Amino acid sequence: MAIEKLSYRQLGERLGCSRDAARELVKRLRLPRHMANDGKALVCIDFSEINHNPTPTQSPAGQLPVTASQECTEPKQEGAAAGYQAALERERERAERLMAELLRAKADILAVRATVARLEGELAALRLRPWWRRLARRKRQPSSNFDVPQIDTNVQAVFASNAPA
């Protein structure tokens, strides 16, 4: 057959497919294209070299006919579907565990925020006192007993031996 120059629309009509499908076929086969004077792309094609068999999208009844190869793949598909279902269940359980962990973490965060707010309130109350009252309260200790609980026991023994009897 001779080489013909056709637009994508004309090529689609000759092949029995859409204009876009014809364009993709030209790209896939890397056929030469030229621009016409009207701006349309023209494809140089030799139909004897192309073995294009368009696949039917649907049968007249609305469903694809069942072939032997499809019947053989159904058990494989069912096995794959069972595997996917098991994977889905594992992921669902994992998501539930993560959600429970997230909720526990959120409860911990709320408890910590409450503690921080309480401590900030106590700190603000302490800062409202004058500095000299804070110092006076720290230094108050009973003067009659010379027991210093914060000092090492060896040092306490030295103080106790020097105490007047």
Protein backbone atom coordinates (compact mmCIF):
# COMPACT_ATOMS: atom_id res chain seq x y z
CA MET A 1 0.00 0.00 0.00
CA ALA A 2 1.02 3.57 -0.50
CA ILE A 3 1.97 6.03 2.20
CA GLU A 4 -0.89 8.34 3.12
CA LYS A 5 -0.89 11.67 4.96
CA LEU A 6 -3.77 11.83 7.43
CA SER A 7 -4.74 14.01 10.36
CA TYR A 8 -5.27 12.43 13.76
CA ARG A 9 -9.06 12.58 13.32
CA GLN A 10 -8.90 10.89 9.92
CA LEU A 11 -6.46 8.28 11.24
CA GLY A 12 -8.78 7.55 14.15
CA GLU A 13 -11.71 7.05 11.78
CA ARG A 14 -9.69 4.68 9.57
CA LEU A 15 -8.47 2.64 12.56
CA GLY A 16 -11.82 2.70 14.38
CA CYS A 17 -10.63 4.55 17.48
CA SER A 18 -10.72 8.07 18.87
CA ARG A 19 -8.54 10.97 17.79
CA ASP A 20 -6.56 10.83 21.05
CA ALA A 21 -5.98 7.09 20.70
CA ALA A 22 -4.69 7.64 17.16
CA ARG A 23 -2.35 10.36 18.43
CA GLU A 24 -0.98 8.03 21.14
CA LEU A 25 -0.51 5.29 18.56
CA VAL A 26 1.51 7.67 16.37
CA LYS A 27 3.66 8.60 19.37
CA ARG A 28 4.16 4.96 20.36
CA LEU A 29 5.12 3.88 16.82
CA ARG A 30 7.21 7.04 16.28
CA LEU A 31 5.64 7.76 12.94
CA PRO A 32 6.74 10.89 11.05
CA ARG A 33 4.53 13.96 11.50
CA HIS A 34 4.33 17.18 9.51
CA MET A 35 2.43 20.38 10.05
CA ALA A 36 -0.13 21.33 7.40
CA ASN A 37 -0.79 24.92 6.33
CA ASP A 38 -3.91 25.05 8.48
CA GLY A 39 -1.89 24.13 11.63
CA LYS A 40 -3.03 20.52 11.91
CA ALA A 41 -0.54 17.70 12.25
CA LEU A 42 -0.42 15.25 9.36
CA VAL A 43 0.92 11.75 9.91
CA CYS A 44 2.68 9.81 7.17
CA ILE A 45 1.41 6.25 7.50
CA ASP A 46 1.55 3.00 5.58
CA PHE A 47 -1.35 0.79 6.69
CA SER A 48 0.32 -2.36 5.42
CA GLU A 49 3.08 -1.97 8.05
CA ILE A 50 0.74 -1.34 10.97
CA ASN A 51 -0.98 -4.23 12.69
CA HIS A 52 -3.50 -2.29 14.73
CA ASN A 53 -6.40 -4.22 16.21
CA PRO A 54 -8.46 -1.95 18.43
CA THR A 55 -9.77 -3.73 21.52
CA PRO A 56 -13.50 -3.45 22.08
CA THR A 57 -14.33 -1.34 25.07
CA GLN A 58 -17.66 -3.10 25.70
CA SER A 59 -19.66 -5.80 24.03
CA PRO A 60 -23.15 -4.95 22.71
CA ALA A 61 -24.70 -6.49 25.81
CA GLY A 62 -22.69 -4.13 28.00
CA GLN A 63 -20.20 -6.68 29.35
CA LEU A 64 -16.99 -8.15 28.06
CA PRO A 65 -17.23 -11.76 26.95
CA VAL A 66 -15.65 -14.26 29.33
CA THR A 67 -12.74 -16.08 27.78
CA ALA A 68 -10.81 -19.12 28.95
CA SER A 69 -7.89 -16.98 30.12
CA GLN A 70 -10.20 -14.95 32.37
CA GLU A 71 -11.66 -18.12 33.85
CA CYS A 72 -8.16 -19.34 34.71
CA THR A 73 -7.21 -16.10 36.44
CA GLU A 74 -10.26 -15.97 38.71
CA PRO A 75 -8.82 -18.32 41.38
CA LYS A 76 -5.57 -16.36 41.29
CA GLN A 77 -7.51 -13.15 41.74
CA GLU A 78 -9.45 -14.62 44.64
CA GLY A 79 -6.19 -15.69 46.29
CA ALA A 80 -4.74 -12.24 45.76
CA ALA A 81 -7.91 -10.67 47.11
CA ALA A 82 -7.65 -12.82 50.26
CA GLY A 83 -4.05 -11.70 50.69
CA TYR A 84 -5.04 -8.08 50.26
CA GLN A 85 -7.88 -8.53 52.75
CA ALA A 86 -5.45 -9.96 55.34
CA ALA A 87 -3.05 -7.07 54.74
CA LEU A 88 -5.94 -4.64 55.12
CA GLU A 89 -6.90 -6.19 58.47
CA ARG A 90 -3.29 -5.99 59.71
CA GLU A 91 -3.08 -2.34 58.72
CA ARG A 92 -6.43 -1.63 60.37
CA GLU A 93 -5.23 -3.20 63.65
CA ARG A 94 -1.98 -1.26 63.40
CA ALA A 95 -3.90 1.98 62.86
CA GLU A 96 -6.09 1.23 65.90
CA ARG A 97 -3.01 0.58 68.05
CA LEU A 98 -1.42 3.82 66.86
CA MET A 99 -4.65 5.72 67.55
CA ALA A 100 -4.79 4.33 71.11
CA GLU A 101 -1.16 5.30 71.65
CA LEU A 102 -1.87 8.77 70.30
CA LEU A 103 -4.81 9.20 72.67
CA ARG A 104 -2.67 8.09 75.65
CA ALA A 105 0.03 10.56 74.63
CA LYS A 106 -2.56 13.31 74.33
CA ALA A 107 -3.86 12.54 77.84
CA ASP A 108 -0.28 12.65 79.17
CA ILE A 109 0.28 15.99 77.47
CA LEU A 110 -2.88 17.42 79.02
CA ALA A 111 -1.78 16.22 82.49
CA VAL A 112 1.66 17.78 82.01
CA ARG A 113 0.10 21.04 80.85
CA ALA A 114 -2.08 21.13 83.97
CA THR A 115 0.99 20.54 86.16
CA VAL A 116 2.92 23.27 84.35
CA ALA A 117 0.02 25.70 84.78
CA ARG A 118 -0.17 24.89 88.52
CA LEU A 119 3.59 25.35 88.98
CA GLU A 120 3.56 28.61 87.04
CA GLY A 121 0.80 29.84 89.33
CA GLU A 122 2.82 28.94 92.43
CA LEU A 123 5.89 30.64 90.96
CA ALA A 124 3.91 33.77 90.19
CA ALA A 125 2.58 33.80 93.77
CA LEU A 126 6.13 33.46 95.15
CA ARG A 127 7.37 36.26 92.92
CA LEU A 128 4.69 38.59 94.25
CA ARG A 129 6.25 38.44 97.72
CA PRO A 130 8.96 40.97 98.45
CA TRP A 131 12.48 39.61 98.24
CA TRP A 132 13.33 40.35 101.86
CA ARG A 133 10.39 38.26 103.12
CA ARG A 134 11.54 35.31 101.07
CA LEU A 135 15.02 35.61 102.59
CA ALA A 136 13.68 36.03 106.13
CA ARG A 137 11.53 32.95 105.83
CA ARG A 138 14.44 30.83 104.63
CA LYS A 139 16.79 31.86 107.46
CA ARG A 140 14.34 31.32 110.32
CA GLN A 141 15.42 28.39 112.43
CA PRO A 142 15.04 27.68 116.14
CA SER A 143 17.93 29.44 117.93
CA SER A 144 17.83 27.28 121.10
CA ASN A 145 18.80 24.09 119.27
CA PHE A 146 22.01 24.24 117.32
CA ASP A 147 21.12 21.23 115.15
CA VAL A 148 21.86 21.80 111.46
CA PRO A 149 20.16 19.03 109.45
CA GLN A 150 21.69 20.07 106.15
CA ILE A 151 25.32 19.70 107.24
CA ASP A 152 27.32 16.48 107.18
CA THR A 153 27.23 14.32 110.35
CA ASN A 154 30.96 14.79 111.00
CA VAL A 155 30.50 18.55 111.01
CA GLN A 156 27.52 18.23 113.36
CA ALA A 157 29.68 16.28 115.80
CA VAL A 158 32.22 19.12 115.82
CA PHE A 159 29.48 21.68 116.53
CA ALA A 160 28.01 19.50 119.26
CA SER A 161 31.39 19.17 121.03
CA ASN A 162 31.85 22.99 121.02
CA ALA A 163 28.39 23.68 122.36
CA PRO A 164 28.29 25.08 125.97
CA ALA A 165 27.03 22.61 128.53
